[in-house]
Amino acid sequence: MMKIKSIDRITARQISADINSAVQSVATKYGISLKDKGCRFSSTNATFKIEAALIGTGGVVESKERKDYTKYCFMYNLNPSWLDKSFNHGSDAFTIIGLATRKRKNPVLTKSAKNGKTYIFPANTVKTLMEASAK
């Protein structure tokens, strides 16, 4: 058993990684997705956030950002049918996976086809690229 004297960024990341691996059995048991949503810490305590989301048809996680896209996309001049559709940017293809409504400049969440990482884009850029890919 390792006993720590204080909590710093490295320690918080290690604890978070252990928590994430431990909760995966709970996620499997209930058939849901559990995702790390970060933590806040001081030298003596830490608060870890975990988001639970149902897994919908086709194995798609019904996250808050995904639901927000269908609910608020019209406010950004985006088409609701573009969710889960891809566009090309540079040498990569990006799939629209949701909308982060608190990010004013870059609200559109996408997933890279090359590395699977999540990237954010401005709504007007996504609109232009999606309309160009439809032609």
N, C-alpha and C. Protein backbone atom coordinates (compact mmCIF):
# COMPACT_ATOMS: atom_id res chain seq x y z
N MET A 1 0.85 -1.19 0.00
CA MET A 1 0.00 0.00 0.00
C MET A 1 0.88 1.24 0.00
N MET A 2 0.59 2.13 -0.92
CA MET A 2 1.36 3.36 -1.02
C MET A 2 0.61 4.47 -0.28
N LYS A 3 1.31 5.16 0.59
CA LYS A 3 0.69 6.27 1.32
C LYS A 3 1.32 7.57 0.83
N ILE A 4 0.47 8.50 0.39
CA ILE A 4 0.99 9.76 -0.13
C ILE A 4 0.94 10.84 0.96
N LYS A 5 1.84 11.79 0.86
CA LYS A 5 1.93 12.88 1.85
C LYS A 5 1.13 14.11 1.42
N SER A 6 1.05 14.34 0.09
CA SER A 6 0.25 15.45 -0.41
C SER A 6 -0.20 15.12 -1.84
N ILE A 7 -1.20 15.84 -2.29
CA ILE A 7 -1.74 15.60 -3.62
C ILE A 7 -1.24 16.70 -4.55
N ASP A 8 -0.59 16.27 -5.62
CA ASP A 8 -0.15 17.21 -6.66
C ASP A 8 -0.72 16.73 -7.99
N ARG A 9 -0.38 17.41 -9.07
CA ARG A 9 -0.94 17.09 -10.39
C ARG A 9 -0.63 15.64 -10.79
N ILE A 10 0.59 15.21 -10.59
CA ILE A 10 0.99 13.85 -10.99
C ILE A 10 0.24 12.81 -10.17
N THR A 11 0.14 13.04 -8.87
CA THR A 11 -0.58 12.10 -7.99
C THR A 11 -2.06 12.05 -8.38
N ALA A 12 -2.65 13.21 -8.64
CA ALA A 12 -4.07 13.25 -9.02
C ALA A 12 -4.31 12.47 -10.32
N ARG A 13 -3.39 12.59 -11.28
CA ARG A 13 -3.53 11.84 -12.53
C ARG A 13 -3.41 10.34 -12.29
N GLN A 14 -2.50 9.93 -11.43
CA GLN A 14 -2.34 8.50 -11.13
C GLN A 14 -3.58 7.95 -10.44
N ILE A 15 -4.11 8.70 -9.49
CA ILE A 15 -5.33 8.27 -8.79
C ILE A 15 -6.49 8.19 -9.79
N SER A 16 -6.60 9.19 -10.65
CA SER A 16 -7.67 9.21 -11.65
C SER A 16 -7.58 8.00 -12.58
N ALA A 17 -6.38 7.66 -13.01
CA ALA A 17 -6.20 6.49 -13.88
C ALA A 17 -6.63 5.21 -13.17
N ASP A 18 -6.30 5.08 -11.89
CA ASP A 18 -6.70 3.90 -11.11
C ASP A 18 -8.22 3.86 -10.93
N ILE A 19 -8.83 5.02 -10.67
CA ILE A 19 -10.29 5.07 -10.52
C ILE A 19 -10.96 4.66 -11.83
N ASN A 20 -10.45 5.18 -12.96
CA ASN A 20 -11.04 4.85 -14.26
C ASN A 20 -10.98 3.36 -14.56
N SER A 21 -9.86 2.73 -14.25
CA SER A 21 -9.78 1.29 -14.51
C SER A 21 -10.68 0.51 -13.55
N ALA A 22 -10.83 1.01 -12.31
CA ALA A 22 -11.68 0.32 -11.34
C ALA A 22 -13.17 0.43 -11.68
N VAL A 23 -13.61 1.55 -12.23
CA VAL A 23 -15.04 1.72 -12.51
C VAL A 23 -15.48 1.03 -13.79
N GLN A 24 -14.57 0.54 -14.58
CA GLN A 24 -14.97 -0.12 -15.82
C GLN A 24 -15.78 -1.39 -15.57
N SER A 25 -15.51 -2.08 -14.47
CA SER A 25 -16.32 -3.26 -14.15
C SER A 25 -17.74 -2.86 -13.79
N VAL A 26 -17.91 -1.69 -13.16
CA VAL A 26 -19.24 -1.17 -12.85
C VAL A 26 -19.96 -0.80 -14.15
N ALA A 27 -19.25 -0.16 -15.07
CA ALA A 27 -19.84 0.21 -16.36
C ALA A 27 -20.31 -1.03 -17.11
N THR A 28 -19.50 -2.05 -17.12
CA THR A 28 -19.86 -3.30 -17.79
C THR A 28 -21.07 -3.95 -17.13
N LYS A 29 -21.08 -3.95 -15.80
CA LYS A 29 -22.18 -4.56 -15.05
C LYS A 29 -23.52 -3.94 -15.40
N TYR A 30 -23.56 -2.62 -15.54
CA TYR A 30 -24.81 -1.91 -15.80
C TYR A 30 -25.04 -1.58 -17.27
N GLY A 31 -24.08 -1.88 -18.12
CA GLY A 31 -24.24 -1.62 -19.55
C GLY A 31 -24.30 -0.14 -19.88
N ILE A 32 -23.48 0.65 -19.19
CA ILE A 32 -23.43 2.09 -19.41
C ILE A 32 -21.98 2.50 -19.71
N SER A 33 -21.82 3.77 -20.05
CA SER A 33 -20.49 4.32 -20.26
C SER A 33 -20.15 5.21 -19.08
N LEU A 34 -18.98 5.04 -18.51
CA LEU A 34 -18.48 5.90 -17.45
C LEU A 34 -17.23 6.59 -17.97
N LYS A 35 -17.23 7.92 -17.93
CA LYS A 35 -16.14 8.69 -18.52
C LYS A 35 -15.56 9.66 -17.50
N ASP A 36 -14.24 9.73 -17.47
CA ASP A 36 -13.54 10.67 -16.60
C ASP A 36 -13.81 12.09 -17.07
N LYS A 37 -14.25 12.94 -16.18
CA LYS A 37 -14.53 14.33 -16.52
C LYS A 37 -13.62 15.29 -15.73
N GLY A 38 -12.45 14.79 -15.33
CA GLY A 38 -11.46 15.65 -14.67
C GLY A 38 -11.55 15.65 -13.17
N CYS A 39 -10.66 16.41 -12.56
CA CYS A 39 -10.67 16.51 -11.11
C CYS A 39 -10.15 17.87 -10.67
N ARG A 40 -10.49 18.22 -9.45
CA ARG A 40 -9.98 19.42 -8.80
C ARG A 40 -9.25 18.93 -7.56
N PHE A 41 -8.14 19.57 -7.27
CA PHE A 41 -7.38 19.11 -6.11
C PHE A 41 -6.66 20.26 -5.43
N SER A 42 -6.37 20.02 -4.17
CA SER A 42 -5.47 20.89 -3.41
C SER A 42 -4.42 19.96 -2.81
N SER A 43 -3.58 20.47 -1.96
CA SER A 43 -2.53 19.61 -1.41
C SER A 43 -3.08 18.55 -0.45
N THR A 44 -4.32 18.75 0.03
CA THR A 44 -4.86 17.81 1.02
C THR A 44 -6.10 17.04 0.58
N ASN A 45 -6.74 17.45 -0.53
CA ASN A 45 -7.93 16.70 -0.97
C ASN A 45 -8.11 16.84 -2.48
N ALA A 46 -8.99 15.98 -3.01
CA ALA A 46 -9.27 15.99 -4.44
C ALA A 46 -10.71 15.56 -4.66
N THR A 47 -11.32 16.11 -5.73
CA THR A 47 -12.66 15.73 -6.13
C THR A 47 -12.60 15.27 -7.58
N PHE A 48 -13.02 14.03 -7.82
CA PHE A 48 -12.97 13.44 -9.15
C PHE A 48 -14.39 13.39 -9.71
N LYS A 49 -14.54 13.74 -10.98
CA LYS A 49 -15.84 13.73 -11.63
C LYS A 49 -15.89 12.59 -12.64
N ILE A 50 -16.98 11.85 -12.60
CA ILE A 50 -17.22 10.76 -13.55
C ILE A 50 -18.62 10.96 -14.11
N GLU A 51 -18.73 10.90 -15.44
CA GLU A 51 -20.01 11.05 -16.10
C GLU A 51 -20.52 9.68 -16.52
N ALA A 52 -21.76 9.39 -16.17
CA ALA A 52 -22.41 8.15 -16.60
C ALA A 52 -23.36 8.48 -17.74
N ALA A 53 -23.34 7.65 -18.78
CA ALA A 53 -24.23 7.86 -19.92
C ALA A 53 -24.72 6.51 -20.43
N LEU A 54 -25.97 6.51 -20.87
CA LEU A 54 -26.53 5.30 -21.46
C LEU A 54 -25.90 5.03 -22.81
N ILE A 55 -25.87 3.77 -23.19
CA ILE A 55 -25.38 3.39 -24.50
C ILE A 55 -26.61 3.10 -25.35
N GLY A 56 -26.77 3.89 -26.41
CA GLY A 56 -27.96 3.79 -27.26
C GLY A 56 -27.81 2.73 -28.33
N THR A 57 -28.68 2.81 -29.31
CA THR A 57 -28.67 1.86 -30.41
C THR A 57 -27.38 1.98 -31.20
N GLY A 58 -26.87 0.88 -31.63
CA GLY A 58 -25.63 0.86 -32.39
C GLY A 58 -24.39 1.06 -31.54
N GLY A 59 -24.55 1.00 -30.20
CA GLY A 59 -23.40 1.15 -29.32
C GLY A 59 -22.92 2.58 -29.17
N VAL A 60 -23.75 3.57 -29.53
CA VAL A 60 -23.37 4.97 -29.43
C VAL A 60 -23.70 5.48 -28.03
N VAL A 61 -22.70 6.11 -27.39
CA VAL A 61 -22.89 6.67 -26.05
C VAL A 61 -23.73 7.94 -26.16
N GLU A 62 -24.81 8.00 -25.41
CA GLU A 62 -25.71 9.16 -25.43
C GLU A 62 -25.22 10.22 -24.43
N SER A 63 -24.15 10.90 -24.80
CA SER A 63 -23.55 11.90 -23.92
C SER A 63 -24.36 13.20 -23.94
N LYS A 64 -24.07 14.06 -22.99
CA LYS A 64 -24.71 15.37 -22.91
C LYS A 64 -24.40 16.18 -24.17
N GLU A 65 -23.16 16.12 -24.64
CA GLU A 65 -22.76 16.88 -25.82
C GLU A 65 -23.49 16.41 -27.06
N ARG A 66 -23.73 15.11 -27.16
CA ARG A 66 -24.46 14.55 -28.30
C ARG A 66 -25.91 15.04 -28.28
N LYS A 67 -26.51 15.00 -27.12
CA LYS A 67 -27.89 15.46 -26.97
C LYS A 67 -27.98 16.96 -27.25
N ASP A 68 -26.98 17.72 -26.77
CA ASP A 68 -26.97 19.16 -27.01
C ASP A 68 -26.85 19.49 -28.49
N TYR A 69 -26.14 18.67 -29.25
CA TYR A 69 -26.04 18.93 -30.69
C TYR A 69 -27.42 18.90 -31.33
N THR A 70 -28.18 17.86 -31.06
CA THR A 70 -29.49 17.75 -31.70
C THR A 70 -30.44 18.83 -31.19
N LYS A 71 -30.24 19.28 -29.96
CA LYS A 71 -31.13 20.27 -29.36
C LYS A 71 -30.80 21.71 -29.79
N TYR A 72 -29.50 22.03 -29.92
CA TYR A 72 -29.09 23.41 -30.13
C TYR A 72 -28.37 23.69 -31.45
N CYS A 73 -28.22 22.72 -32.31
CA CYS A 73 -27.45 22.93 -33.54
C CYS A 73 -28.00 24.05 -34.40
N PHE A 74 -29.31 24.26 -34.39
CA PHE A 74 -29.91 25.32 -35.20
C PHE A 74 -29.40 26.70 -34.78
N MET A 75 -29.01 26.87 -33.52
CA MET A 75 -28.51 28.15 -33.03
C MET A 75 -27.15 28.49 -33.64
N TYR A 76 -26.46 27.48 -34.17
CA TYR A 76 -25.15 27.65 -34.76
C TYR A 76 -25.20 27.48 -36.29
N ASN A 77 -26.39 27.47 -36.84
CA ASN A 77 -26.61 27.26 -38.29
C ASN A 77 -26.05 25.92 -38.77
N LEU A 78 -26.18 24.91 -37.94
CA LEU A 78 -25.74 23.56 -38.29
C LEU A 78 -26.96 22.69 -38.54
N ASN A 79 -26.76 21.68 -39.35
CA ASN A 79 -27.84 20.77 -39.71
C ASN A 79 -27.87 19.60 -38.72
N PRO A 80 -29.03 19.26 -38.16
CA PRO A 80 -29.10 18.15 -37.21
C PRO A 80 -28.68 16.81 -37.82
N SER A 81 -28.84 16.65 -39.13
CA SER A 81 -28.47 15.39 -39.77
C SER A 81 -26.95 15.21 -39.88
N TRP A 82 -26.18 16.25 -39.58
CA TRP A 82 -24.73 16.16 -39.67
C TRP A 82 -24.10 15.41 -38.50
N LEU A 83 -24.86 15.17 -37.43
CA LEU A 83 -24.33 14.39 -36.31
C LEU A 83 -23.93 13.01 -36.81
N ASP A 84 -22.73 12.58 -36.49
CA ASP A 84 -22.13 11.31 -36.92
C ASP A 84 -21.70 11.31 -38.39
N LYS A 85 -21.74 12.46 -39.03
CA LYS A 85 -21.25 12.59 -40.40
C LYS A 85 -19.83 13.16 -40.37
N SER A 86 -19.07 12.91 -41.43
CA SER A 86 -17.66 13.33 -41.47
C SER A 86 -17.41 14.40 -42.52
N PHE A 87 -16.35 15.16 -42.26
CA PHE A 87 -15.85 16.14 -43.22
C PHE A 87 -14.33 16.05 -43.23
N ASN A 88 -13.74 16.50 -44.33
CA ASN A 88 -12.28 16.49 -44.45
C ASN A 88 -11.72 17.86 -44.11
N HIS A 89 -10.61 17.83 -43.37
CA HIS A 89 -9.90 19.06 -43.03
C HIS A 89 -8.42 18.72 -43.01
N GLY A 90 -7.66 19.34 -43.88
CA GLY A 90 -6.26 18.97 -44.01
C GLY A 90 -6.17 17.56 -44.56
N SER A 91 -5.35 16.75 -43.92
CA SER A 91 -5.18 15.36 -44.37
C SER A 91 -5.97 14.39 -43.51
N ASP A 92 -6.93 14.88 -42.74
CA ASP A 92 -7.68 14.04 -41.82
C ASP A 92 -9.17 14.19 -42.07
N ALA A 93 -9.93 13.19 -41.65
CA ALA A 93 -11.39 13.25 -41.68
C ALA A 93 -11.87 13.33 -40.23
N PHE A 94 -12.86 14.18 -40.01
CA PHE A 94 -13.40 14.39 -38.67
C PHE A 94 -14.89 14.09 -38.67
N THR A 95 -15.34 13.38 -37.64
CA THR A 95 -16.75 13.03 -37.49
C THR A 95 -17.34 13.89 -36.38
N ILE A 96 -18.47 14.51 -36.65
CA ILE A 96 -19.14 15.35 -35.66
C ILE A 96 -19.75 14.45 -34.59
N ILE A 97 -19.38 14.68 -33.32
CA ILE A 97 -19.87 13.84 -32.22
C ILE A 97 -20.67 14.59 -31.18
N GLY A 98 -20.71 15.93 -31.26
CA GLY A 98 -21.49 16.66 -30.27
C GLY A 98 -21.25 18.15 -30.32
N LEU A 99 -21.85 18.83 -29.34
CA LEU A 99 -21.77 20.28 -29.25
C LEU A 99 -21.48 20.66 -27.80
N ALA A 100 -20.40 21.42 -27.60
CA ALA A 100 -20.05 21.91 -26.27
C ALA A 100 -20.56 23.35 -26.19
N THR A 101 -21.73 23.53 -25.65
CA THR A 101 -22.40 24.83 -25.68
C THR A 101 -21.67 25.89 -24.86
N ARG A 102 -20.82 25.52 -23.95
CA ARG A 102 -20.09 26.51 -23.14
C ARG A 102 -18.85 27.03 -23.87
N LYS A 103 -18.47 26.41 -24.95
CA LYS A 103 -17.32 26.87 -25.73
C LYS A 103 -17.85 27.77 -26.84
N ARG A 104 -17.77 29.08 -26.63
CA ARG A 104 -18.37 30.01 -27.58
C ARG A 104 -17.66 30.03 -28.92
N LYS A 105 -16.33 30.00 -28.92
CA LYS A 105 -15.58 30.12 -30.18
C LYS A 105 -15.51 28.81 -30.95
N ASN A 106 -15.36 27.70 -30.26
CA ASN A 106 -15.19 26.39 -30.91
C ASN A 106 -16.13 25.36 -30.27
N PRO A 107 -17.42 25.43 -30.58
CA PRO A 107 -18.37 24.55 -29.89
C PRO A 107 -18.53 23.14 -30.46
N VAL A 108 -18.10 22.91 -31.69
CA VAL A 108 -18.39 21.62 -32.33
C VAL A 108 -17.31 20.60 -31.96
N LEU A 109 -17.75 19.50 -31.37
CA LEU A 109 -16.85 18.41 -31.00
C LEU A 109 -16.77 17.41 -32.13
N THR A 110 -15.56 17.03 -32.48
CA THR A 110 -15.35 16.07 -33.56
C THR A 110 -14.36 15.01 -33.12
N LYS A 111 -14.36 13.90 -33.85
CA LYS A 111 -13.41 12.82 -33.59
C LYS A 111 -12.58 12.59 -34.84
N SER A 112 -11.26 12.55 -34.66
CA SER A 112 -10.35 12.36 -35.77
C SER A 112 -10.36 10.91 -36.23
N ALA A 113 -10.36 10.72 -37.54
CA ALA A 113 -10.28 9.36 -38.10
C ALA A 113 -8.86 8.81 -37.96
N LYS A 114 -7.87 9.69 -37.96
CA LYS A 114 -6.47 9.24 -37.88
C LYS A 114 -6.09 8.70 -36.51
N ASN A 115 -6.41 9.47 -35.45
CA ASN A 115 -5.92 9.08 -34.12
C ASN A 115 -7.01 8.87 -33.08
N GLY A 116 -8.27 9.11 -33.43
CA GLY A 116 -9.38 8.88 -32.51
C GLY A 116 -9.53 9.92 -31.42
N LYS A 117 -8.73 10.97 -31.46
CA LYS A 117 -8.82 12.02 -30.45
C LYS A 117 -9.97 12.96 -30.77
N THR A 118 -10.43 13.66 -29.73
CA THR A 118 -11.50 14.63 -29.89
C THR A 118 -10.89 16.00 -30.16
N TYR A 119 -11.43 16.69 -31.16
CA TYR A 119 -10.99 18.03 -31.53
C TYR A 119 -12.20 18.95 -31.58
N ILE A 120 -11.97 20.24 -31.34
CA ILE A 120 -13.05 21.22 -31.40
C ILE A 120 -12.86 22.12 -32.62
N PHE A 121 -13.99 22.55 -33.19
CA PHE A 121 -13.98 23.41 -34.36
C PHE A 121 -14.99 24.54 -34.18
N PRO A 122 -14.75 25.68 -34.84
CA PRO A 122 -15.78 26.72 -34.89
C PRO A 122 -16.97 26.23 -35.73
N ALA A 123 -18.16 26.66 -35.36
CA ALA A 123 -19.37 26.22 -36.05
C ALA A 123 -19.36 26.64 -37.52
N ASN A 124 -18.91 27.86 -37.80
CA ASN A 124 -18.93 28.32 -39.20
C ASN A 124 -17.95 27.52 -40.07
N THR A 125 -16.84 27.08 -39.51
CA THR A 125 -15.89 26.25 -40.25
C THR A 125 -16.51 24.90 -40.57
N VAL A 126 -17.16 24.29 -39.59
CA VAL A 126 -17.81 23.00 -39.80
C VAL A 126 -18.91 23.12 -40.84
N LYS A 127 -19.70 24.18 -40.77
CA LYS A 127 -20.78 24.40 -41.75
C LYS A 127 -20.21 24.48 -43.16
N THR A 128 -19.15 25.25 -43.33
CA THR A 128 -18.52 25.40 -44.64
C THR A 128 -17.98 24.06 -45.15
N LEU A 129 -17.27 23.32 -44.29
CA LEU A 129 -16.67 22.06 -44.69
C LEU A 129 -17.74 20.99 -44.97
N MET A 130 -18.82 20.98 -44.19
CA MET A 130 -19.88 19.99 -44.43
C MET A 130 -20.61 20.30 -45.74
N GLU A 131 -20.85 21.56 -46.01
CA GLU A 131 -21.52 21.91 -47.26
C GLU A 131 -20.63 21.63 -48.46
N ALA A 132 -19.32 21.81 -48.30
CA ALA A 132 -18.37 21.51 -49.38
C ALA A 132 -18.29 20.02 -49.64
N SER A 133 -18.36 19.20 -48.58
CA SER A 133 -18.25 17.75 -48.76
C SER A 133 -19.52 17.16 -49.36
N ALA A 134 -20.64 17.89 -49.26
CA ALA A 134 -21.91 17.42 -49.82
C ALA A 134 -21.96 17.62 -51.33
N LYS A 135 -21.12 18.49 -51.86
CA LYS A 135 -21.15 18.79 -53.30
C LYS A 135 -20.44 17.74 -54.11
